[in-house]
Structures are given as structure tokens and as C-alpha cells.
N, C-alpha and C. Protein backbone atom coordinates (compact mmCIF):
# COMPACT_ATOMS: atom_id res chain seq x y z
N LEU A 1 19.11 5.05 6.99
CA LEU A 1 17.77 4.77 6.48
C LEU A 1 16.72 5.17 7.51
N VAL A 2 15.59 5.57 7.01
CA VAL A 2 14.43 5.85 7.86
C VAL A 2 13.39 4.79 7.54
N PHE A 3 12.92 4.09 8.56
CA PHE A 3 11.90 3.07 8.40
C PHE A 3 10.54 3.69 8.71
N VAL A 4 9.58 3.55 7.79
CA VAL A 4 8.25 4.13 7.97
C VAL A 4 7.22 3.00 7.94
N SER A 5 6.33 3.02 8.92
CA SER A 5 5.24 2.04 8.99
C SER A 5 3.95 2.80 9.26
N VAL A 6 2.96 2.61 8.39
CA VAL A 6 1.67 3.28 8.54
C VAL A 6 0.60 2.20 8.65
N GLN A 7 -0.15 2.24 9.75
CA GLN A 7 -1.16 1.21 10.01
C GLN A 7 -2.52 1.86 10.17
N ASP A 8 -3.55 1.21 9.59
CA ASP A 8 -4.91 1.69 9.81
C ASP A 8 -5.72 0.61 10.52
N SER A 9 -6.91 0.94 10.89
CA SER A 9 -7.80 -0.03 11.54
C SER A 9 -9.05 -0.19 10.68
N GLY A 10 -8.83 -0.25 9.37
CA GLY A 10 -9.94 -0.33 8.42
C GLY A 10 -10.46 -1.74 8.21
N VAL A 11 -11.01 -1.95 7.02
CA VAL A 11 -11.68 -3.21 6.69
C VAL A 11 -10.71 -4.35 6.39
N GLY A 12 -9.45 -4.04 6.13
CA GLY A 12 -8.47 -5.07 5.80
C GLY A 12 -8.70 -5.65 4.42
N MET A 13 -7.80 -6.55 4.00
CA MET A 13 -7.88 -7.16 2.67
C MET A 13 -7.49 -8.63 2.75
N GLU A 14 -8.02 -9.41 1.84
CA GLU A 14 -7.63 -10.80 1.73
C GLU A 14 -6.24 -10.88 1.11
N ALA A 15 -5.54 -11.99 1.35
CA ALA A 15 -4.15 -12.15 0.90
C ALA A 15 -3.99 -11.98 -0.61
N HIS A 16 -4.94 -12.50 -1.40
CA HIS A 16 -4.81 -12.37 -2.86
C HIS A 16 -4.92 -10.91 -3.30
N ARG A 17 -5.68 -10.12 -2.58
CA ARG A 17 -5.82 -8.69 -2.90
C ARG A 17 -4.53 -7.95 -2.54
N VAL A 18 -3.96 -8.27 -1.39
CA VAL A 18 -2.69 -7.64 -0.99
C VAL A 18 -1.61 -7.95 -2.02
N ALA A 19 -1.59 -9.19 -2.51
CA ALA A 19 -0.59 -9.61 -3.49
C ALA A 19 -0.67 -8.83 -4.79
N SER A 20 -1.85 -8.30 -5.12
CA SER A 20 -2.01 -7.57 -6.38
C SER A 20 -2.13 -6.06 -6.21
N LEU A 21 -1.92 -5.56 -5.01
CA LEU A 21 -2.07 -4.12 -4.75
C LEU A 21 -1.23 -3.24 -5.66
N PHE A 22 -0.03 -3.70 -5.97
CA PHE A 22 0.91 -2.87 -6.72
C PHE A 22 0.98 -3.27 -8.20
N ASP A 23 0.01 -4.02 -8.67
CA ASP A 23 -0.01 -4.53 -10.04
C ASP A 23 -0.92 -3.67 -10.91
N ILE A 24 -0.33 -2.96 -11.89
CA ILE A 24 -1.11 -2.07 -12.76
C ILE A 24 -2.16 -2.85 -13.55
N ALA A 25 -1.89 -4.11 -13.86
CA ALA A 25 -2.85 -4.92 -14.61
C ALA A 25 -4.09 -5.24 -13.79
N ASP A 26 -4.01 -5.09 -12.47
CA ASP A 26 -5.13 -5.39 -11.59
C ASP A 26 -5.57 -4.16 -10.80
N ALA A 27 -5.33 -2.97 -11.37
CA ALA A 27 -5.69 -1.73 -10.67
C ALA A 27 -7.20 -1.64 -10.49
N ARG A 28 -7.61 -1.54 -9.25
CA ARG A 28 -9.03 -1.38 -8.94
C ARG A 28 -9.15 -0.81 -7.53
N SER A 29 -10.30 -0.32 -7.24
CA SER A 29 -10.52 0.27 -5.93
C SER A 29 -11.69 -0.42 -5.25
N THR A 30 -11.57 -0.57 -3.94
CA THR A 30 -12.69 -1.09 -3.16
C THR A 30 -13.12 -0.01 -2.18
N LEU A 31 -14.34 -0.08 -1.73
CA LEU A 31 -14.85 0.92 -0.80
C LEU A 31 -14.15 0.79 0.55
N GLY A 32 -13.87 1.94 1.15
CA GLY A 32 -13.23 1.97 2.46
C GLY A 32 -14.24 1.89 3.59
N THR A 33 -13.77 2.15 4.80
CA THR A 33 -14.62 2.01 5.98
C THR A 33 -15.79 2.99 5.99
N GLU A 34 -15.62 4.12 5.33
CA GLU A 34 -16.71 5.10 5.26
C GLU A 34 -17.28 5.17 3.85
N LYS A 35 -17.14 4.05 3.12
CA LYS A 35 -17.65 3.90 1.76
C LYS A 35 -16.99 4.85 0.77
N GLU A 36 -15.78 5.34 1.10
CA GLU A 36 -15.07 6.21 0.17
C GLU A 36 -14.52 5.39 -0.99
N LYS A 37 -14.38 6.03 -2.14
CA LYS A 37 -13.93 5.35 -3.34
C LYS A 37 -12.68 6.06 -3.87
N GLY A 38 -11.79 5.30 -4.46
CA GLY A 38 -10.58 5.87 -5.04
C GLY A 38 -10.37 5.33 -6.44
N SER A 39 -9.24 5.71 -7.05
CA SER A 39 -8.95 5.28 -8.42
C SER A 39 -8.23 3.94 -8.47
N GLY A 40 -7.59 3.55 -7.37
CA GLY A 40 -6.82 2.31 -7.36
C GLY A 40 -5.41 2.46 -7.89
N LEU A 41 -4.98 3.69 -8.17
CA LEU A 41 -3.65 3.92 -8.74
C LEU A 41 -2.63 4.45 -7.75
N GLY A 42 -3.05 4.91 -6.61
CA GLY A 42 -2.14 5.56 -5.65
C GLY A 42 -0.97 4.69 -5.21
N LEU A 43 -1.25 3.46 -4.81
CA LEU A 43 -0.17 2.58 -4.35
C LEU A 43 0.73 2.14 -5.49
N ILE A 44 0.18 2.03 -6.69
CA ILE A 44 0.99 1.70 -7.86
C ILE A 44 1.99 2.81 -8.12
N LEU A 45 1.54 4.06 -8.02
CA LEU A 45 2.44 5.20 -8.19
C LEU A 45 3.48 5.25 -7.08
N CYS A 46 3.07 4.95 -5.86
CA CYS A 46 4.03 4.92 -4.74
C CYS A 46 5.11 3.89 -4.99
N ARG A 47 4.73 2.71 -5.45
CA ARG A 47 5.72 1.67 -5.73
C ARG A 47 6.69 2.11 -6.81
N GLU A 48 6.18 2.75 -7.85
CA GLU A 48 7.05 3.22 -8.94
C GLU A 48 8.03 4.28 -8.44
N LEU A 49 7.56 5.21 -7.63
CA LEU A 49 8.44 6.25 -7.08
C LEU A 49 9.50 5.65 -6.17
N MET A 50 9.10 4.70 -5.35
CA MET A 50 10.06 4.04 -4.47
C MET A 50 11.11 3.30 -5.29
N ALA A 51 10.69 2.62 -6.35
CA ALA A 51 11.62 1.88 -7.20
C ALA A 51 12.63 2.82 -7.87
N LEU A 52 12.18 4.00 -8.25
CA LEU A 52 13.09 4.98 -8.86
C LEU A 52 14.20 5.38 -7.90
N HIS A 53 13.94 5.25 -6.61
CA HIS A 53 14.93 5.58 -5.59
C HIS A 53 15.60 4.34 -5.01
N GLY A 54 15.39 3.20 -5.66
CA GLY A 54 16.03 1.96 -5.22
C GLY A 54 15.44 1.39 -3.94
N GLN A 55 14.21 1.73 -3.65
CA GLN A 55 13.55 1.28 -2.42
C GLN A 55 12.29 0.49 -2.77
N SER A 56 11.64 -0.06 -1.76
CA SER A 56 10.40 -0.81 -1.99
C SER A 56 9.36 -0.42 -0.95
N ILE A 57 8.13 -0.80 -1.23
CA ILE A 57 7.02 -0.58 -0.31
C ILE A 57 6.28 -1.91 -0.18
N ASN A 58 5.86 -2.24 1.03
CA ASN A 58 5.24 -3.53 1.30
C ASN A 58 3.93 -3.34 2.06
N ALA A 59 3.06 -4.33 1.94
CA ALA A 59 1.76 -4.29 2.61
C ALA A 59 1.47 -5.61 3.31
N LYS A 60 0.86 -5.50 4.48
CA LYS A 60 0.34 -6.65 5.22
C LYS A 60 -1.07 -6.27 5.66
N SER A 61 -1.98 -7.21 5.63
CA SER A 61 -3.36 -6.88 5.97
C SER A 61 -4.07 -8.05 6.62
N ILE A 62 -4.99 -7.72 7.51
CA ILE A 62 -5.84 -8.72 8.17
C ILE A 62 -7.29 -8.24 8.06
N ILE A 63 -8.14 -9.11 7.55
CA ILE A 63 -9.56 -8.78 7.39
C ILE A 63 -10.14 -8.30 8.73
N ASP A 64 -10.90 -7.23 8.68
CA ASP A 64 -11.58 -6.62 9.84
C ASP A 64 -10.63 -6.06 10.89
N GLU A 65 -9.33 -6.03 10.61
CA GLU A 65 -8.37 -5.44 11.55
C GLU A 65 -7.60 -4.27 10.94
N GLY A 66 -7.33 -4.34 9.64
CA GLY A 66 -6.64 -3.24 8.99
C GLY A 66 -5.43 -3.66 8.18
N THR A 67 -4.72 -2.65 7.70
CA THR A 67 -3.59 -2.85 6.80
C THR A 67 -2.40 -2.04 7.29
N THR A 68 -1.20 -2.59 7.10
CA THR A 68 0.03 -1.90 7.45
C THR A 68 0.90 -1.80 6.20
N MET A 69 1.31 -0.59 5.87
CA MET A 69 2.22 -0.33 4.76
C MET A 69 3.57 0.03 5.35
N THR A 70 4.64 -0.54 4.82
CA THR A 70 5.98 -0.23 5.32
C THR A 70 6.91 0.09 4.15
N PHE A 71 7.84 1.01 4.41
CA PHE A 71 8.86 1.32 3.42
C PHE A 71 10.04 1.98 4.13
N THR A 72 11.16 2.03 3.44
CA THR A 72 12.34 2.71 3.97
C THR A 72 12.75 3.81 3.01
N LEU A 73 13.34 4.84 3.58
CA LEU A 73 13.85 5.96 2.79
C LEU A 73 15.32 6.16 3.15
N GLU A 74 16.12 6.38 2.14
CA GLU A 74 17.53 6.64 2.38
C GLU A 74 17.72 8.14 2.61
N LEU A 75 18.41 8.48 3.67
CA LEU A 75 18.69 9.89 3.96
C LEU A 75 19.84 10.37 3.10
N VAL A 76 19.67 11.53 2.49
CA VAL A 76 20.71 12.12 1.66
C VAL A 76 21.09 13.46 2.26
N GLU A 77 22.37 13.65 2.47
CA GLU A 77 22.82 14.92 3.05
C GLU A 77 23.54 15.75 2.02
């Protein structure tokens, strides 16, 4: 397995927002550190792709410190 962890130093998110990041029923976007806007669907698609491969993706976040996304990939030879 390959363990991947991606961390930013952005605006962070409250716990209830992190809990709903991968929920299609709660798909929404918030402005980023440079006021950029997105569709709110990217992480939902990532979760679906990971699930198709039997893997998962997780998020941890701290307000005003940033967010860390982690996932594992199985190596296939």
C-alpha cells in the first residue's frame, strides 16, 4: 500500500463541515483562502473512485490552520 497525506494551510473547516464533505446530499462549496469558488463535487467524486477500488479517503481540519486529506492506494503489479 501507498499512504498519501495532503495538507494545506488554508482556512480550515468546522467539524460538522468535515463530517459532511463526502455527502452528495450536502454538496456545497465555500470560498478558499484567495476567495476561489468550486462546485463542491470534487471530494465526493474522489470518495466514489476510492470506494470502487476498495479504499477510503479521510479528512481532518482545524479552523485557521488548514485541512489534511489522507488515503491509501494498493499497488498492482
